């Protein structure tokens, strides 16, 4: 009888126990890393005339009519970047970008590292200025990416696609604080993402992307103002 009673107790408790399985539990709250503290300073990263303060392949990056021009005619095996000489953790970056030729997306990379050793032939494959880290993509394939890491991050690109312009100027704001990234495109908030792996975040250069491609492509950037350790905890370009 005692054995029967014990068996009945297990059977009765079974459904209640099943409710506590991981699949049935509520999703865990995202990891929250507070914004870092430091000097809030606004700097113009681009003087409108030269690439002073930046590093990249001189034959792929130039300045024309007050804009930084990224352009390739020969195929690029790896994406390459125009990188700030300064490094950043918490920042607000505002800029304008225009995809002139090709349908391939561009983007802004940050929170990572310059990784020139992804190829066995870095000189031939043009990998001196390759980047591993976070990437905010635009104006096609909107979303976020973890370069040489987790690949696509769980960010919905549809809100940005609704307000973005494929072959015209887009006004972009990126607000990176703690482990949170917010993005606005043309005055509309389109991304609010917290990274579940804050250990991947590091002080690093900001990089403008010229994507790997087999066809000619051209992207223009202008503006490019950065505010370190932003005073306002919000997207300031949102209408």
Protein backbone atom coordinates (compact mmCIF):
# COMPACT_ATOMS: atom_id res chain seq x y z
CA UNK A 1 0.00 0.00 0.00
CA UNK A 2 2.84 2.33 0.87
CA UNK A 3 4.38 1.72 -2.55
CA UNK A 4 1.04 2.38 -4.25
CA UNK A 5 0.60 5.61 -2.30
CA UNK A 6 4.10 6.74 -3.30
CA UNK A 7 3.39 5.97 -6.95
CA UNK A 8 0.13 7.92 -6.83
CA UNK A 9 1.97 10.85 -5.28
CA UNK A 10 4.49 10.85 -8.13
CA UNK A 11 1.75 10.68 -10.76
CA UNK A 12 -0.16 13.52 -9.12
CA UNK A 13 2.98 15.64 -8.83
CA UNK A 14 4.03 14.92 -12.42
CA UNK A 15 2.08 17.67 -14.22
CA UNK A 16 3.13 20.25 -11.62
CA UNK A 17 6.77 19.20 -12.03
CA UNK A 18 6.48 19.48 -15.81
CA UNK A 19 5.39 23.10 -15.47
CA UNK A 20 8.80 23.92 -14.01
CA UNK A 21 10.79 22.64 -16.99
CA UNK A 22 12.95 25.23 -18.79
CA UNK A 23 10.70 25.14 -21.86
CA UNK A 24 7.73 26.21 -19.77
CA UNK A 25 9.51 28.94 -17.82
CA UNK A 26 9.18 32.59 -18.71
CA UNK A 27 12.03 33.97 -20.82
CA UNK A 28 14.83 35.33 -18.67
CA UNK A 29 15.18 39.10 -18.53
CA UNK A 30 17.99 40.43 -20.74
CA UNK A 31 21.37 41.14 -19.21
CA UNK A 32 21.56 44.84 -18.39
CA UNK A 33 24.92 46.60 -18.34
CA UNK A 34 24.64 50.21 -17.22
CA UNK A 35 26.19 52.97 -19.37
CA UNK A 36 29.83 53.56 -18.57
CA UNK A 37 30.91 56.87 -17.10
CA UNK A 38 33.49 59.16 -18.65
CA UNK A 39 34.03 62.55 -20.22
CA UNK A 40 31.19 63.60 -22.49
CA UNK A 41 32.83 65.23 -25.51
CA UNK A 42 31.57 65.89 -29.03
CA UNK A 43 34.05 65.51 -31.90
CA UNK A 44 33.73 65.92 -35.66
CA UNK A 45 35.35 62.75 -37.02
CA UNK A 46 35.43 64.01 -40.61
CA UNK A 47 36.72 67.46 -41.56
CA UNK A 48 34.98 67.38 -44.95
CA UNK A 49 38.26 67.60 -46.86
CA UNK A 50 40.68 64.83 -45.81
CA UNK A 51 40.82 61.42 -44.16
CA UNK A 52 42.81 62.78 -41.22
CA UNK A 53 42.12 60.66 -38.13
CA UNK A 54 41.17 57.60 -40.18
CA UNK A 55 43.00 54.48 -41.40
CA UNK A 56 42.17 52.35 -44.43
CA UNK A 57 43.21 51.41 -47.96
CA UNK A 58 43.90 54.67 -49.77
CA UNK A 59 42.81 53.29 -53.14
CA UNK A 60 39.39 52.30 -51.73
CA UNK A 61 38.65 55.39 -49.61
CA UNK A 62 38.77 59.01 -50.72
CA UNK A 63 37.07 62.39 -50.26
CA UNK A 64 34.93 64.07 -52.89
CA UNK A 65 32.52 67.02 -52.62
CA UNK A 66 32.57 66.98 -48.81
CA UNK A 67 31.88 63.26 -48.46
CA UNK A 68 33.94 60.17 -47.73
CA UNK A 69 33.73 57.86 -50.73
CA UNK A 70 34.13 54.08 -50.45
CA UNK A 71 34.59 52.55 -53.88
CA UNK A 72 35.90 49.35 -55.40
CA UNK A 73 36.04 48.24 -59.02
CA UNK A 74 37.81 44.90 -58.57
CA UNK A 75 36.21 42.13 -56.45
CA UNK A 76 36.76 42.26 -52.67
CA UNK A 77 37.15 38.86 -51.00
CA UNK A 78 36.73 40.33 -47.49
CA UNK A 79 34.89 43.39 -46.24
CA UNK A 80 37.25 46.24 -45.47
CA UNK A 81 36.86 49.25 -43.20
CA UNK A 82 37.86 52.86 -42.80
CA UNK A 83 38.78 52.96 -39.11
CA UNK A 84 39.01 55.77 -36.60
CA UNK A 85 42.38 56.10 -34.92
CA UNK A 86 40.54 56.71 -31.64
CA UNK A 87 38.77 53.99 -29.65
CA UNK A 88 35.28 54.15 -28.15
CA UNK A 89 32.97 52.32 -25.76
CA UNK A 90 29.85 54.39 -25.03
CA UNK A 91 29.09 56.85 -27.82
CA UNK A 92 26.52 58.54 -30.02
CA UNK A 93 27.41 58.62 -33.71
CA UNK A 94 25.38 60.71 -36.15
CA UNK A 95 26.04 60.73 -39.88
CA UNK A 96 24.55 60.58 -43.35
CA UNK A 97 25.12 57.69 -45.75
CA UNK A 98 24.18 57.00 -49.35
CA UNK A 99 24.49 53.77 -51.34
CA UNK A 100 25.46 54.95 -54.84
CA UNK A 101 26.29 51.76 -56.72
CA UNK A 102 25.38 48.07 -56.11
CA UNK A 103 22.66 46.70 -53.87
CA UNK A 104 25.02 45.40 -51.18
CA UNK A 105 24.63 46.86 -47.71
CA UNK A 106 27.25 48.86 -45.86
CA UNK A 107 27.42 49.51 -42.14
CA UNK A 108 29.23 50.84 -39.09
CA UNK A 109 31.35 48.49 -36.98
CA UNK A 110 32.27 49.00 -33.31
CA UNK A 111 32.95 47.22 -29.96
CA UNK A 112 35.38 44.79 -31.61
CA UNK A 113 38.92 44.59 -32.90
CA UNK A 114 40.87 45.08 -36.08
CA UNK A 115 41.69 41.56 -37.20
CA UNK A 116 44.09 41.42 -40.15
CA UNK A 117 44.85 37.69 -39.87
CA UNK A 118 41.59 36.22 -41.24
CA UNK A 119 43.39 35.26 -44.45
CA UNK A 120 46.53 33.26 -45.15
CA UNK A 121 47.37 35.89 -47.76
CA UNK A 122 46.44 39.22 -46.12
CA UNK A 123 48.30 41.34 -48.68
CA UNK A 124 46.53 39.67 -51.60
CA UNK A 125 43.12 39.47 -49.93
CA UNK A 126 43.23 43.04 -48.57
CA UNK A 127 42.63 42.09 -44.92
CA UNK A 128 44.83 44.66 -43.17
CA UNK A 129 41.72 46.65 -42.19
CA UNK A 130 39.28 43.78 -41.56
CA UNK A 131 37.09 44.05 -38.44
CA UNK A 132 35.64 41.55 -35.98
CA UNK A 133 32.86 42.96 -33.82
CA UNK A 134 29.38 44.46 -33.88
CA UNK A 135 27.93 45.92 -37.07
CA UNK A 136 24.87 48.10 -37.67
CA UNK A 137 23.83 47.49 -41.31
CA UNK A 138 22.18 49.81 -43.85
CA UNK A 139 20.59 50.69 -46.26
CA UNK A 140 19.75 47.19 -47.53
CA UNK A 141 19.78 44.17 -45.27
CA UNK A 142 19.07 46.36 -42.25
CA UNK A 143 19.80 44.82 -38.88
CA UNK A 144 22.82 43.94 -36.77
CA UNK A 145 25.64 41.44 -37.21
CA UNK A 146 28.43 39.99 -35.10
CA UNK A 147 31.39 39.94 -37.50
CA UNK A 148 33.48 36.75 -37.21
CA UNK A 149 31.38 35.78 -34.19
CA UNK A 150 27.71 34.87 -33.87
CA UNK A 151 26.85 36.25 -37.33
CA UNK A 152 23.29 37.62 -37.50
CA UNK A 153 21.99 39.11 -34.26
CA UNK A 154 18.28 38.95 -33.31
CA UNK A 155 17.35 42.39 -34.61
CA UNK A 156 14.33 43.00 -36.85
CA UNK A 157 15.37 44.99 -39.91
CA UNK A 158 11.83 45.69 -41.12
CA UNK A 159 11.27 48.97 -39.19
CA UNK A 160 14.43 50.44 -40.74
CA UNK A 161 13.55 49.18 -44.21
CA UNK A 162 10.23 51.06 -44.03
CA UNK A 163 11.90 54.45 -43.51
CA UNK A 164 15.24 53.89 -45.27
CA UNK A 165 16.13 54.97 -48.79
CA UNK A 166 18.03 52.56 -51.02
CA UNK A 167 19.89 55.01 -53.26
CA UNK A 168 19.56 58.34 -51.48
CA UNK A 169 20.91 59.96 -48.35
CA UNK A 170 19.87 58.41 -45.03
CA UNK A 171 20.31 60.19 -41.70
CA UNK A 172 21.53 57.67 -39.12
CA UNK A 173 22.08 57.84 -35.36
CA UNK A 174 23.74 55.03 -33.40
CA UNK A 175 23.61 55.20 -29.59
CA UNK A 176 25.81 52.57 -27.92
CA UNK A 177 25.76 52.45 -24.11
CA UNK A 178 26.65 49.60 -21.75
CA UNK A 179 25.44 46.58 -23.70
CA UNK A 180 22.57 48.44 -25.37
CA UNK A 181 22.47 49.65 -28.98
CA UNK A 182 19.77 51.96 -30.27
CA UNK A 183 19.51 53.15 -33.85
CA UNK A 184 17.44 55.80 -35.61
CA UNK A 185 17.06 56.12 -39.39
CA UNK A 186 15.64 59.32 -40.88
CA UNK A 187 14.18 60.43 -37.57
CA UNK A 188 12.57 57.09 -36.63
CA UNK A 189 13.75 54.73 -33.89
CA UNK A 190 14.34 51.35 -35.56
CA UNK A 191 16.59 49.29 -33.24
CA UNK A 192 16.72 48.75 -29.47
CA UNK A 193 18.99 45.79 -28.74
CA UNK A 194 20.78 44.53 -25.62
CA UNK A 195 23.63 42.12 -26.18
CA UNK A 196 23.23 38.93 -24.13
CA UNK A 197 27.02 38.48 -24.22
CA UNK A 198 28.47 41.71 -22.86
CA UNK A 199 31.84 40.01 -22.54
CA UNK A 200 32.19 40.50 -26.32
CA UNK A 201 32.08 44.30 -25.93
CA UNK A 202 35.35 46.21 -25.83
CA UNK A 203 36.77 49.67 -26.39
CA UNK A 204 37.51 49.79 -30.09
CA UNK A 205 37.73 51.89 -33.26
CA UNK A 206 34.60 52.79 -35.19
CA UNK A 207 34.71 51.44 -38.75
CA UNK A 208 32.87 52.35 -41.94
CA UNK A 209 32.25 49.27 -44.06
CA UNK A 210 32.96 48.58 -47.72
CA UNK A 211 31.42 45.14 -48.09
CA UNK A 212 33.01 42.15 -49.80
CA UNK A 213 31.59 41.83 -53.29
CA UNK A 214 32.27 40.54 -56.78
CA UNK A 215 30.91 43.69 -58.46
CA UNK A 216 31.71 47.39 -58.38
CA UNK A 217 30.17 49.33 -55.51
CA UNK A 218 30.23 52.83 -54.08
CA UNK A 219 29.02 54.28 -50.76
CA UNK A 220 29.24 57.87 -49.49
CA UNK A 221 29.41 59.10 -45.87
CA UNK A 222 29.29 62.61 -44.46
CA UNK A 223 28.69 64.35 -41.15
CA UNK A 224 30.18 61.75 -38.79
CA UNK A 225 29.96 63.39 -35.39
CA UNK A 226 30.68 61.35 -32.26
CA UNK A 227 29.70 62.16 -28.67
CA UNK A 228 31.52 60.10 -26.05
CA UNK A 229 29.61 59.03 -22.92
CA UNK A 230 26.42 60.78 -24.10
CA UNK A 231 24.66 63.09 -21.66
CA UNK A 232 21.18 62.29 -22.99
CA UNK A 233 20.05 58.69 -22.60
CA UNK A 234 17.88 58.82 -25.71
CA UNK A 235 17.97 59.02 -29.49
CA UNK A 236 18.16 62.77 -30.12
CA UNK A 237 17.31 62.63 -33.84
CA UNK A 238 13.95 60.95 -33.35
CA UNK A 239 11.14 63.28 -34.38
